[in-house]
N, C-alpha and C. Protein backbone atom coordinates (compact mmCIF):
# COMPACT_ATOMS: atom_id res chain seq x y z
N MET A 1 135.17 100.62 118.07
CA MET A 1 135.53 99.44 117.30
C MET A 1 136.72 99.80 116.41
N PRO A 2 137.71 98.94 116.34
CA PRO A 2 138.88 99.24 115.52
C PRO A 2 138.52 99.40 114.04
N GLN A 3 139.28 100.25 113.39
CA GLN A 3 139.13 100.42 111.94
C GLN A 3 140.38 99.90 111.25
N TYR A 4 140.18 99.39 110.05
CA TYR A 4 141.27 98.82 109.26
C TYR A 4 141.25 99.41 107.86
N MET A 5 142.45 99.72 107.35
CA MET A 5 142.57 100.12 105.96
C MET A 5 143.03 98.89 105.19
N THR A 6 142.44 98.72 104.03
CA THR A 6 142.78 97.56 103.22
C THR A 6 143.12 98.00 101.81
N ILE A 7 144.02 97.26 101.20
CA ILE A 7 144.40 97.51 99.81
C ILE A 7 144.07 96.26 99.02
N HIS A 8 143.38 96.49 97.92
CA HIS A 8 143.00 95.42 97.00
C HIS A 8 143.48 95.83 95.62
N ARG A 9 144.03 94.90 94.89
CA ARG A 9 144.39 95.15 93.50
C ARG A 9 143.51 94.26 92.64
N ALA A 10 142.77 94.90 91.75
CA ALA A 10 141.81 94.16 90.91
C ALA A 10 141.88 94.70 89.49
N PRO A 11 142.95 94.40 88.78
CA PRO A 11 143.06 94.88 87.40
C PRO A 11 141.87 94.43 86.57
N GLY A 12 141.34 95.34 85.80
CA GLY A 12 140.22 95.01 84.93
C GLY A 12 138.86 95.07 85.60
N LEU A 13 138.81 95.46 86.87
CA LEU A 13 137.52 95.57 87.56
C LEU A 13 136.65 96.63 86.89
N LEU A 14 135.43 96.27 86.62
CA LEU A 14 134.48 97.20 86.01
C LEU A 14 133.57 97.80 87.07
N LYS A 15 133.07 98.98 86.79
CA LYS A 15 132.17 99.65 87.73
C LYS A 15 130.95 98.77 88.02
N GLU A 16 130.48 98.05 87.01
CA GLU A 16 129.33 97.17 87.18
C GLU A 16 129.66 96.03 88.15
N GLN A 17 130.88 95.50 88.07
CA GLN A 17 131.29 94.44 88.99
C GLN A 17 131.38 94.98 90.42
N TRP A 18 131.88 96.20 90.55
CA TRP A 18 131.93 96.85 91.86
C TRP A 18 130.53 96.92 92.45
N ALA A 19 129.57 97.35 91.64
CA ALA A 19 128.18 97.48 92.10
C ALA A 19 127.60 96.13 92.48
N GLU A 20 127.91 95.08 91.73
CA GLU A 20 127.42 93.74 92.05
C GLU A 20 127.96 93.27 93.40
N ASN A 21 129.22 93.52 93.67
CA ASN A 21 129.83 93.12 94.95
C ASN A 21 129.28 93.91 96.13
N ALA A 22 128.78 95.11 95.85
CA ALA A 22 128.30 95.98 96.93
C ALA A 22 127.16 95.34 97.72
N VAL A 23 126.33 94.55 97.07
CA VAL A 23 125.21 93.91 97.76
C VAL A 23 125.72 92.99 98.87
N SER A 24 126.70 92.17 98.56
CA SER A 24 127.28 91.25 99.56
C SER A 24 128.02 92.01 100.65
N ILE A 25 128.75 93.03 100.25
CA ILE A 25 129.51 93.83 101.22
C ILE A 25 128.55 94.50 102.19
N HIS A 26 127.44 94.99 101.68
CA HIS A 26 126.44 95.66 102.53
C HIS A 26 125.83 94.69 103.54
N ALA A 27 125.66 93.45 103.14
CA ALA A 27 125.03 92.44 104.01
C ALA A 27 126.01 91.75 104.95
N ALA A 28 127.27 92.11 104.91
CA ALA A 28 128.31 91.44 105.71
C ALA A 28 127.99 91.50 107.20
N THR A 29 128.41 90.45 107.92
CA THR A 29 128.09 90.36 109.34
C THR A 29 129.31 90.47 110.26
N HIS A 30 130.52 90.21 109.76
CA HIS A 30 131.71 90.21 110.61
C HIS A 30 132.47 91.54 110.58
N ALA A 31 132.22 92.34 109.56
CA ALA A 31 132.92 93.62 109.42
C ALA A 31 131.98 94.60 108.73
N ARG A 32 132.14 95.87 109.06
CA ARG A 32 131.28 96.90 108.48
C ARG A 32 132.10 97.77 107.54
N PHE A 33 131.67 97.83 106.29
CA PHE A 33 132.29 98.70 105.30
C PHE A 33 132.05 100.15 105.70
N VAL A 34 133.09 100.98 105.62
CA VAL A 34 132.98 102.40 105.94
C VAL A 34 133.13 103.26 104.70
N GLN A 35 134.19 103.02 103.92
CA GLN A 35 134.44 103.87 102.76
C GLN A 35 135.40 103.18 101.80
N ALA A 36 135.33 103.58 100.53
CA ALA A 36 136.26 103.08 99.53
C ALA A 36 136.75 104.23 98.67
N HIS A 37 137.98 104.11 98.23
CA HIS A 37 138.58 105.01 97.24
C HIS A 37 139.06 104.08 96.13
N VAL A 38 138.56 104.29 94.93
CA VAL A 38 138.78 103.33 93.84
C VAL A 38 139.32 104.02 92.60
N ASN A 39 140.32 103.40 92.00
CA ASN A 39 140.81 103.81 90.69
C ASN A 39 140.67 102.59 89.79
N LEU A 40 139.57 102.55 89.04
CA LEU A 40 139.29 101.39 88.20
C LEU A 40 140.36 101.20 87.13
N ALA A 41 140.84 102.29 86.55
CA ALA A 41 141.84 102.18 85.48
C ALA A 41 143.10 101.48 85.97
N ALA A 42 143.49 101.75 87.21
CA ALA A 42 144.69 101.13 87.78
C ALA A 42 144.36 99.82 88.51
N GLY A 43 143.06 99.56 88.70
CA GLY A 43 142.67 98.37 89.45
C GLY A 43 143.07 98.45 90.91
N PHE A 44 143.05 99.66 91.46
CA PHE A 44 143.50 99.88 92.84
C PHE A 44 142.31 100.29 93.70
N ILE A 45 142.15 99.58 94.82
CA ILE A 45 141.04 99.85 95.74
C ILE A 45 141.60 99.99 97.14
N PHE A 46 141.26 101.09 97.78
CA PHE A 46 141.64 101.36 99.16
C PHE A 46 140.35 101.47 99.95
N THR A 47 140.18 100.63 100.98
CA THR A 47 138.93 100.66 101.74
C THR A 47 139.19 100.84 103.23
N ILE A 48 138.16 101.28 103.90
CA ILE A 48 138.15 101.37 105.36
C ILE A 48 137.01 100.48 105.85
N TYR A 49 137.32 99.62 106.82
CA TYR A 49 136.34 98.74 107.44
C TYR A 49 136.44 98.86 108.95
N GLU A 50 135.35 98.58 109.63
CA GLU A 50 135.34 98.42 111.08
C GLU A 50 135.11 96.94 111.37
N ALA A 51 135.86 96.41 112.32
CA ALA A 51 135.70 95.02 112.74
C ALA A 51 136.26 94.87 114.15
N ASP A 52 135.76 93.89 114.86
CA ASP A 52 136.26 93.65 116.21
C ASP A 52 137.74 93.32 116.21
N THR A 53 138.17 92.55 115.21
CA THR A 53 139.57 92.15 115.10
C THR A 53 139.94 92.04 113.62
N GLU A 54 141.23 92.03 113.35
CA GLU A 54 141.69 91.81 111.98
C GLU A 54 141.25 90.42 111.50
N ALA A 55 141.26 89.45 112.40
CA ALA A 55 140.83 88.10 112.05
C ALA A 55 139.38 88.08 111.57
N LYS A 56 138.52 88.86 112.20
CA LYS A 56 137.11 88.94 111.79
C LYS A 56 137.00 89.56 110.40
N LEU A 57 137.81 90.56 110.13
CA LEU A 57 137.79 91.18 108.80
C LEU A 57 138.25 90.17 107.75
N ILE A 58 139.31 89.45 108.04
CA ILE A 58 139.80 88.42 107.11
C ILE A 58 138.72 87.36 106.89
N GLU A 59 138.06 86.95 107.97
CA GLU A 59 136.97 85.98 107.85
C GLU A 59 135.88 86.51 106.92
N GLN A 60 135.56 87.80 107.05
CA GLN A 60 134.55 88.40 106.19
C GLN A 60 134.99 88.38 104.73
N PHE A 61 136.23 88.77 104.46
CA PHE A 61 136.73 88.76 103.10
C PHE A 61 136.69 87.35 102.51
N GLU A 62 137.06 86.35 103.32
CA GLU A 62 137.04 84.97 102.84
C GLU A 62 135.62 84.52 102.51
N GLU A 63 134.66 84.87 103.36
CA GLU A 63 133.26 84.51 103.10
C GLU A 63 132.75 85.16 101.82
N LEU A 64 133.18 86.40 101.57
CA LEU A 64 132.72 87.13 100.38
C LEU A 64 133.53 86.78 99.14
N GLY A 65 134.65 86.10 99.33
CA GLY A 65 135.52 85.81 98.20
C GLY A 65 136.24 87.05 97.69
N LEU A 66 136.52 87.98 98.60
CA LEU A 66 137.20 89.22 98.23
C LEU A 66 138.69 89.10 98.53
N PRO A 67 139.50 89.02 97.51
CA PRO A 67 140.95 88.97 97.75
C PRO A 67 141.45 90.33 98.23
N TYR A 68 142.49 90.31 99.04
CA TYR A 68 143.08 91.56 99.53
C TYR A 68 144.59 91.40 99.48
N ASP A 69 145.27 92.53 99.39
CA ASP A 69 146.74 92.52 99.36
C ASP A 69 147.33 92.92 100.70
N GLU A 70 146.69 93.88 101.36
CA GLU A 70 147.20 94.36 102.65
C GLU A 70 146.05 94.74 103.55
N ILE A 71 146.27 94.56 104.86
CA ILE A 71 145.35 95.03 105.90
C ILE A 71 146.20 95.66 106.99
N HIS A 72 145.81 96.86 107.42
CA HIS A 72 146.53 97.55 108.49
C HIS A 72 145.51 98.21 109.42
N GLU A 73 145.71 98.04 110.72
CA GLU A 73 144.84 98.73 111.67
C GLU A 73 145.16 100.22 111.65
N ILE A 74 144.13 101.02 111.71
CA ILE A 74 144.30 102.47 111.71
C ILE A 74 144.56 102.92 113.14
N GLN A 75 145.67 103.61 113.34
CA GLN A 75 146.00 104.12 114.67
C GLN A 75 145.32 105.45 114.94
N PHE A 76 145.24 106.29 113.93
CA PHE A 76 144.48 107.53 114.04
C PHE A 76 144.19 108.05 112.65
N SER A 77 143.22 108.93 112.56
CA SER A 77 142.93 109.60 111.30
C SER A 77 142.83 111.10 111.59
N GLN A 78 143.01 111.89 110.55
CA GLN A 78 143.02 113.33 110.76
C GLN A 78 142.53 114.02 109.50
N SER A 79 141.60 114.93 109.67
CA SER A 79 141.11 115.74 108.55
C SER A 79 141.99 116.98 108.39
N TRP A 80 141.81 117.68 107.30
CA TRP A 80 142.55 118.93 107.07
C TRP A 80 142.29 119.93 108.21
N PRO A 81 141.02 120.19 108.58
CA PRO A 81 140.79 121.13 109.68
C PRO A 81 141.44 120.70 111.00
N GLU A 82 141.45 119.40 111.26
CA GLU A 82 142.09 118.90 112.48
C GLU A 82 143.60 119.09 112.42
N MET A 83 144.19 118.94 111.24
CA MET A 83 145.62 119.16 111.09
C MET A 83 145.97 120.63 111.32
N VAL A 84 145.17 121.51 110.75
CA VAL A 84 145.40 122.95 110.94
C VAL A 84 145.28 123.30 112.42
N GLN A 85 144.27 122.76 113.09
CA GLN A 85 144.09 123.02 114.52
C GLN A 85 145.30 122.52 115.31
N MET A 86 145.78 121.34 115.00
CA MET A 86 146.93 120.78 115.70
C MET A 86 148.16 121.66 115.49
N LEU A 87 148.41 122.05 114.25
CA LEU A 87 149.59 122.88 113.95
C LEU A 87 149.48 124.25 114.60
N THR A 88 148.29 124.81 114.64
CA THR A 88 148.06 126.09 115.30
C THR A 88 148.35 125.96 116.80
N HIS A 89 147.83 124.90 117.40
CA HIS A 89 148.05 124.66 118.83
C HIS A 89 149.52 124.48 119.16
N MET A 90 150.27 123.87 118.22
CA MET A 90 151.71 123.64 118.42
C MET A 90 152.53 124.89 118.13
N GLY A 91 151.87 125.95 117.68
CA GLY A 91 152.60 127.17 117.35
C GLY A 91 153.30 127.12 116.00
N ARG A 92 152.94 126.15 115.17
CA ARG A 92 153.55 126.02 113.84
C ARG A 92 152.83 126.83 112.78
N LEU A 93 151.61 127.25 113.10
CA LEU A 93 150.82 128.13 112.23
C LEU A 93 150.34 129.30 113.04
N SER A 94 150.19 130.41 112.40
CA SER A 94 149.66 131.57 113.13
C SER A 94 148.29 131.95 112.64
């Protein structure tokens, strides 16, 4: 299933508000929440979702009343160990 990274800007968002929204996000039917990286002080939220299509993710956000600034399909992801393995295989690391 495709994954999407999303950016949300929510200045003034409180940790308690985040927790309140989590109930609806957990119960979502059109997209599955995977992970979030949040900076409450900056009001910046970066999330990863799985959905059949970007349209389904947008539909989910609209149903939940979650505004978003950007949505991008993830083409690939890579962990630090995977990067080291790739560079080693390419002969860039010894």
